[in-house]
Amino acid sequence: MGSRIIERGVLRQLAALLLLLMVVSAPAWAAERGALFKISGGGHSLYLFGTMHVGRPDFYPFEKRLDAALAKAPVLALEIDPGLSPEVAARAMQKYAAAPPGMSTPPALAPRLAAALAAQGIPAEALASFKPWLVATVLSVGEFTRLGYSQADAVDVRLASLARERKVKVIELESVDSQMALLNSLSLEQQWAFVDETLKQMASGEAAREAREIANAWATADRKGLEAIAARVAADDSVGGRFTREVLLDGRNGALADGIAALLAKSDHSVAAIGVLHLIGKGSVPERLAKKGLTVERIY
């Protein structure tokens, strides 16, 4: 009897060890991240994925359904191709981000801005020749960097790299010029107000909390969390909030939906991947695609 009890105990331990090994060795791609939709119409279908423009190595490989979709896709459509030539990006920066002659940081902002940039390891002089919208963007990305995310591991960067490995054609739904033109659409006064808001959010810890919340909601495909973020963006009446809502989201969602619908009409089994905030909330890209008569299925 004692030996059988011991044997059963050993078997339970072996079973537990086997289960542990199965969990440890389970592919990371099993994790659902962001948001994934299937769009169908006219005898064709495509997958629409919500990305982040930063990332971490542990986000990859991609979830198995997205990975399988990309494996057989003839086309991957992104907002812009992260593999575009540095010359193209440099020309756009010169055109839209270069500071006008005589521009200087408002005295009330200068010490706070210098301190915030120094905390991110950036000399204030490095951004002195650029417009405030770029400064605010650098500060915002820096909050994600402090939390361990990087642009080198950005989701669209990894998708484009994987697509090229598999000989999948990468196309753009927008362009670096069109994106920078939108960012540059604020007046200089509004841009400095945007910088001021960003600095206040960083000082209060709000910027870090929001960055962590967005990243966590994306990393766990948290529908409620993502919808809560969309609701907060919809209610945000700050300069940055209105700009994000009216220009960066509402101002682009129509054209993004048109581009995705055109891709669907031309090819079957393609994949489109755009920022996850374009896929949630009122006036989202999936909502606009449904209004075009297409079938929209949310997978996660």
Protein backbone atom coordinates (compact mmCIF):
# COMPACT_ATOMS: atom_id res chain seq x y z
CA MET A 1 0.00 0.00 0.00
CA GLY A 2 2.75 2.41 0.97
CA SER A 3 4.60 1.77 -2.27
CA ARG A 4 1.44 2.42 -4.33
CA ILE A 5 0.88 5.72 -2.48
CA ILE A 6 4.49 6.68 -3.20
CA GLU A 7 4.08 5.66 -6.84
CA ARG A 8 0.90 7.76 -7.14
CA GLY A 9 2.72 10.68 -5.53
CA VAL A 10 5.61 10.32 -7.99
CA LEU A 11 3.17 10.11 -10.90
CA ARG A 12 1.42 13.30 -9.74
CA GLN A 13 4.79 15.05 -9.52
CA LEU A 14 5.74 13.83 -13.01
CA ALA A 15 2.37 14.94 -14.36
CA ALA A 16 2.79 18.35 -12.75
CA LEU A 17 6.31 18.61 -14.17
CA LEU A 18 5.07 17.64 -17.64
CA LEU A 19 2.31 20.27 -17.45
CA LEU A 20 4.85 22.87 -16.36
CA LEU A 21 7.12 21.97 -19.27
CA MET A 22 4.17 22.22 -21.67
CA VAL A 23 3.31 25.69 -20.36
CA VAL A 24 6.91 26.87 -20.45
CA SER A 25 7.46 25.54 -23.95
CA ALA A 26 4.09 26.75 -25.31
CA PRO A 27 4.69 29.17 -28.20
CA ALA A 28 4.52 32.85 -27.28
CA TRP A 29 2.38 33.41 -30.37
CA ALA A 30 -0.62 31.97 -28.50
CA ALA A 31 -1.09 35.38 -26.86
CA GLU A 32 -3.74 37.64 -28.37
CA ARG A 33 -2.54 41.22 -28.64
CA GLY A 34 -4.08 44.42 -29.94
CA ALA A 35 -7.26 43.82 -31.94
CA LEU A 36 -7.92 41.61 -34.95
CA PHE A 37 -10.82 41.89 -37.40
CA LYS A 38 -11.82 39.96 -40.50
CA ILE A 39 -13.30 42.10 -43.27
CA SER A 40 -15.22 40.42 -46.11
CA GLY A 41 -17.00 41.56 -49.25
CA GLY A 42 -17.17 40.94 -52.99
CA GLY A 43 -15.89 37.40 -52.59
CA HIS A 44 -12.69 38.57 -50.89
CA SER A 45 -11.56 38.82 -47.28
CA LEU A 46 -8.69 40.41 -45.39
CA TYR A 47 -7.47 40.66 -41.83
CA LEU A 48 -7.25 44.05 -40.14
CA PHE A 49 -4.88 44.26 -37.17
CA GLY A 50 -4.42 47.02 -34.61
CA THR A 51 -0.78 47.86 -33.90
CA MET A 52 1.35 49.95 -31.58
CA HIS A 53 4.20 52.06 -32.95
CA VAL A 54 6.49 50.84 -30.16
CA GLY A 55 7.05 47.34 -28.81
CA ARG A 56 9.05 44.84 -26.76
CA PRO A 57 10.84 41.63 -27.78
CA ASP A 58 8.40 39.51 -25.75
CA PHE A 59 5.51 40.61 -27.99
CA TYR A 60 6.78 38.20 -30.66
CA PRO A 61 6.25 35.86 -32.46
CA PHE A 62 2.78 37.01 -33.47
CA GLU A 63 -0.43 35.27 -32.43
CA LYS A 64 -1.04 32.20 -34.59
CA ARG A 65 -4.07 33.48 -36.55
CA LEU A 66 -2.34 36.71 -37.47
CA ASP A 67 0.84 34.81 -38.30
CA ALA A 68 -1.09 32.35 -40.51
CA ALA A 69 -2.89 35.22 -42.25
CA LEU A 70 0.40 36.95 -43.02
CA ALA A 71 1.93 33.67 -44.24
CA LYS A 72 -0.57 33.47 -47.11
CA ALA A 73 -1.14 37.18 -47.70
CA PRO A 74 -0.20 38.63 -51.10
CA VAL A 75 -0.02 42.13 -49.56
CA LEU A 76 0.66 43.74 -46.18
CA ALA A 77 -0.75 47.28 -45.98
CA LEU A 78 0.65 49.61 -43.30
CA GLU A 79 0.10 53.29 -42.54
CA ILE A 80 3.61 53.94 -43.76
CA ASP A 81 6.42 51.55 -44.63
CA PRO A 82 8.97 51.57 -41.77
CA GLY A 83 11.56 50.52 -44.33
CA LEU A 84 11.32 53.76 -46.31
CA SER A 85 14.61 55.35 -47.25
CA PRO A 86 16.23 57.78 -44.77
CA GLU A 87 16.37 60.38 -47.55
CA VAL A 88 12.58 60.40 -47.89
CA ALA A 89 12.13 60.81 -44.13
CA ALA A 90 14.78 63.54 -44.00
CA ARG A 91 13.07 65.53 -46.76
CA ALA A 92 9.73 65.30 -44.96
CA MET A 93 11.34 66.38 -41.69
CA GLN A 94 12.93 69.38 -43.38
CA LYS A 95 9.63 70.33 -44.99
CA TYR A 96 7.29 69.92 -42.01
CA ALA A 97 9.37 69.83 -38.82
CA ALA A 98 12.10 72.45 -39.31
CA ALA A 99 11.59 75.45 -37.04
CA PRO A 100 10.86 78.78 -38.76
CA PRO A 101 13.54 81.48 -38.57
CA GLY A 102 13.65 83.23 -35.23
CA MET A 103 11.59 80.66 -33.34
CA SER A 104 12.57 80.17 -29.72
CA THR A 105 11.16 78.27 -26.77
CA PRO A 106 8.83 80.43 -24.62
CA PRO A 107 10.76 81.49 -21.48
CA ALA A 108 8.16 79.94 -19.18
CA LEU A 109 8.66 76.55 -20.85
CA ALA A 110 12.42 76.58 -21.47
CA PRO A 111 13.71 75.31 -18.07
CA ARG A 112 10.99 72.67 -17.72
CA LEU A 113 11.52 71.45 -21.27
CA ALA A 114 15.30 71.28 -20.86
CA ALA A 115 14.89 69.30 -17.63
CA ALA A 116 12.41 66.85 -19.20
CA LEU A 117 14.65 66.27 -22.21
CA ALA A 118 17.71 65.85 -19.99
CA ALA A 119 15.83 63.20 -17.99
CA GLN A 120 15.41 61.30 -21.27
CA GLY A 121 19.08 61.79 -22.14
CA ILE A 122 18.40 64.35 -24.89
CA PRO A 123 20.23 67.72 -24.96
CA ALA A 124 17.77 70.58 -25.47
CA GLU A 125 19.98 71.89 -28.30
CA ALA A 126 19.33 68.70 -30.27
CA LEU A 127 15.70 69.72 -30.80
CA ALA A 128 16.14 73.50 -30.88
CA SER A 129 15.88 73.60 -34.67
CA PHE A 130 12.60 71.65 -34.81
CA LYS A 131 8.98 72.66 -34.36
CA PRO A 132 7.20 72.07 -31.06
CA TRP A 133 5.00 69.24 -32.44
CA LEU A 134 8.13 67.15 -32.97
CA VAL A 135 9.38 68.02 -29.48
CA ALA A 136 6.05 66.87 -27.96
CA THR A 137 6.21 63.67 -30.01
CA VAL A 138 9.76 62.92 -28.82
CA LEU A 139 8.72 63.49 -25.20
CA SER A 140 5.70 61.19 -25.56
CA VAL A 141 7.74 58.39 -27.15
CA GLY A 142 10.28 58.85 -24.36
CA GLU A 143 7.63 57.85 -21.81
CA PHE A 144 7.23 54.50 -23.57
CA THR A 145 11.02 54.13 -23.76
CA ARG A 146 11.31 54.62 -20.00
CA LEU A 147 8.81 51.77 -19.56
CA GLY A 148 10.95 49.42 -21.63
CA TYR A 149 9.36 49.81 -25.08
CA SER A 150 11.30 50.74 -28.21
CA GLN A 151 10.61 51.88 -31.75
CA ALA A 152 13.01 49.22 -33.03
CA ASP A 153 10.57 46.59 -31.72
CA ALA A 154 7.49 48.46 -32.95
CA VAL A 155 4.70 46.19 -34.14
CA ASP A 156 4.58 47.63 -37.66
CA VAL A 157 8.38 47.33 -37.92
CA ARG A 158 8.22 43.63 -36.98
CA LEU A 159 5.28 43.01 -39.34
CA ALA A 160 7.09 44.64 -42.26
CA SER A 161 10.25 42.65 -41.55
CA LEU A 162 8.34 39.35 -41.37
CA ALA A 163 6.42 40.18 -44.55
CA ARG A 164 9.64 40.82 -46.46
CA GLU A 165 11.13 37.56 -45.18
CA ARG A 166 8.09 35.80 -46.65
CA LYS A 167 8.17 37.76 -49.92
CA VAL A 168 4.88 39.51 -49.09
CA LYS A 169 4.49 42.88 -50.82
CA VAL A 170 4.40 45.84 -48.40
CA ILE A 171 2.32 48.88 -49.39
CA GLU A 172 1.43 52.16 -47.69
CA LEU A 173 -2.06 53.42 -46.93
CA GLU A 174 -0.61 56.87 -46.18
CA SER A 175 2.79 58.51 -46.56
CA VAL A 176 5.35 60.07 -44.26
CA ASP A 177 4.55 63.41 -45.93
CA SER A 178 0.83 63.15 -45.24
CA GLN A 179 1.40 62.15 -41.61
CA MET A 180 3.86 64.96 -40.94
CA ALA A 181 1.58 67.46 -42.68
CA LEU A 182 -1.16 66.56 -40.20
CA LEU A 183 1.19 66.88 -37.23
CA ASN A 184 2.24 70.27 -38.57
CA SER A 185 -1.35 71.51 -38.95
CA LEU A 186 -1.44 73.08 -35.48
CA SER A 187 -0.41 76.72 -35.18
CA LEU A 188 2.86 77.39 -33.37
CA GLU A 189 0.87 78.69 -30.40
CA GLN A 190 -1.11 75.46 -30.25
CA GLN A 191 2.05 73.41 -30.65
CA TRP A 192 3.67 75.10 -27.66
CA ALA A 193 0.46 74.54 -25.67
CA PHE A 194 0.75 70.87 -26.65
CA VAL A 195 4.33 70.80 -25.30
CA ASP A 196 3.18 72.51 -22.09
CA GLU A 197 0.41 69.92 -21.58
CA THR A 198 2.85 67.09 -22.24
CA LEU A 199 5.32 68.44 -19.67
CA LYS A 200 2.58 68.79 -17.06
CA GLN A 201 1.39 65.23 -17.70
CA MET A 202 4.96 63.97 -17.38
CA ALA A 203 5.53 65.86 -14.12
CA SER A 204 2.30 64.53 -12.58
CA GLY A 205 2.96 60.96 -13.68
CA GLU A 206 -0.17 60.97 -15.85
CA ALA A 207 1.84 60.46 -19.06
CA ALA A 208 3.55 57.36 -17.68
CA ARG A 209 0.24 55.97 -16.38
CA GLU A 210 -1.44 56.47 -19.76
CA ALA A 211 1.50 54.95 -21.64
CA ARG A 212 1.43 51.93 -19.33
CA GLU A 213 -2.35 51.60 -19.67
CA ILE A 214 -2.26 51.73 -23.49
CA ALA A 215 0.62 49.26 -23.71
CA ASN A 216 -0.97 46.83 -21.25
CA ALA A 217 -4.37 46.97 -22.97
CA TRP A 218 -2.72 46.28 -26.34
CA ALA A 219 -0.47 43.52 -24.98
CA THR A 220 -3.44 41.62 -23.52
CA ALA A 221 -6.03 42.39 -26.24
CA ASP A 222 -8.13 43.94 -23.47
CA ARG A 223 -11.33 45.08 -25.22
CA LYS A 224 -12.73 46.92 -22.21
CA GLY A 225 -9.39 48.57 -21.58
CA LEU A 226 -9.07 49.71 -25.18
CA GLU A 227 -12.65 51.01 -25.25
CA ALA A 228 -12.00 52.92 -22.02
CA ILE A 229 -9.02 54.58 -23.69
CA ALA A 230 -11.17 55.46 -26.72
CA ALA A 231 -13.82 56.97 -24.42
CA ARG A 232 -11.20 59.06 -22.65
CA VAL A 233 -9.84 60.34 -25.98
CA ALA A 234 -13.40 61.24 -27.04
CA ALA A 235 -13.91 63.28 -23.86
CA ASP A 236 -10.47 64.95 -23.71
CA ASP A 237 -10.89 68.67 -24.39
CA SER A 238 -7.21 69.64 -24.07
CA VAL A 239 -5.25 70.90 -27.08
CA GLY A 240 -3.55 67.51 -27.42
CA GLY A 241 -6.80 65.63 -26.85
CA ARG A 242 -8.74 67.56 -29.50
CA PHE A 243 -5.84 67.25 -31.92
CA THR A 244 -5.60 63.48 -31.38
CA ARG A 245 -9.35 63.03 -31.78
CA GLU A 246 -10.13 65.46 -34.59
CA VAL A 247 -6.95 65.29 -36.68
CA LEU A 248 -4.97 62.14 -35.95
CA LEU A 249 -8.02 59.84 -35.67
CA ASP A 250 -11.21 61.29 -37.20
CA GLY A 251 -9.20 63.17 -39.82
CA ARG A 252 -7.56 59.96 -41.07
CA ASN A 253 -10.06 57.17 -40.44
CA GLY A 254 -12.07 57.90 -43.59
CA ALA A 255 -9.08 57.71 -45.90
CA LEU A 256 -7.71 54.63 -44.11
CA ALA A 257 -11.08 52.88 -44.52
CA ASP A 258 -11.16 53.82 -48.22
CA GLY A 259 -7.66 52.42 -48.73
CA ILE A 260 -8.50 49.17 -46.95
CA ALA A 261 -11.75 48.78 -48.93
CA ALA A 262 -9.82 49.34 -52.18
CA LEU A 263 -7.25 46.72 -51.15
CA LEU A 264 -10.05 44.24 -50.37
CA ALA A 265 -11.58 44.80 -53.81
CA LYS A 266 -8.25 44.15 -55.56
CA SER A 267 -6.86 41.19 -53.62
CA ASP A 268 -7.93 38.28 -51.43
CA HIS A 269 -6.39 37.25 -48.08
CA SER A 270 -4.33 40.44 -47.62
CA VAL A 271 -3.46 41.90 -44.20
CA ALA A 272 -3.83 45.54 -43.19
CA ALA A 273 -2.26 46.80 -39.96
CA ILE A 274 -2.82 50.28 -38.51
CA GLY A 275 -2.65 51.88 -35.07
CA VAL A 276 -5.08 50.19 -32.69
CA LEU A 277 -6.81 53.48 -31.76
CA HIS A 278 -8.09 53.65 -35.36
CA LEU A 279 -10.00 50.39 -34.74
CA ILE A 280 -11.98 51.37 -31.64
CA GLY A 281 -14.50 53.98 -30.59
CA LYS A 282 -17.01 56.04 -32.55
CA GLY A 283 -16.13 56.59 -36.20
CA SER A 284 -13.51 53.84 -36.18
CA VAL A 285 -12.20 52.25 -39.36
CA PRO A 286 -14.18 49.00 -38.81
CA GLU A 287 -17.34 51.05 -38.27
CA ARG A 288 -16.71 52.93 -41.51
CA LEU A 289 -16.04 49.69 -43.39
CA ALA A 290 -19.33 48.25 -42.13
CA LYS A 291 -21.13 51.36 -43.41
CA LYS A 292 -19.69 50.58 -46.85
CA GLY A 293 -21.65 47.32 -46.79
CA LEU A 294 -18.71 45.10 -45.89
CA THR A 295 -18.94 42.31 -43.33
CA VAL A 296 -16.89 43.10 -40.23
CA GLU A 297 -16.09 40.35 -37.72
CA ARG A 298 -14.08 41.06 -34.60
CA ILE A 299 -11.91 38.06 -33.78
CA TYR A 300 -10.39 39.56 -30.61
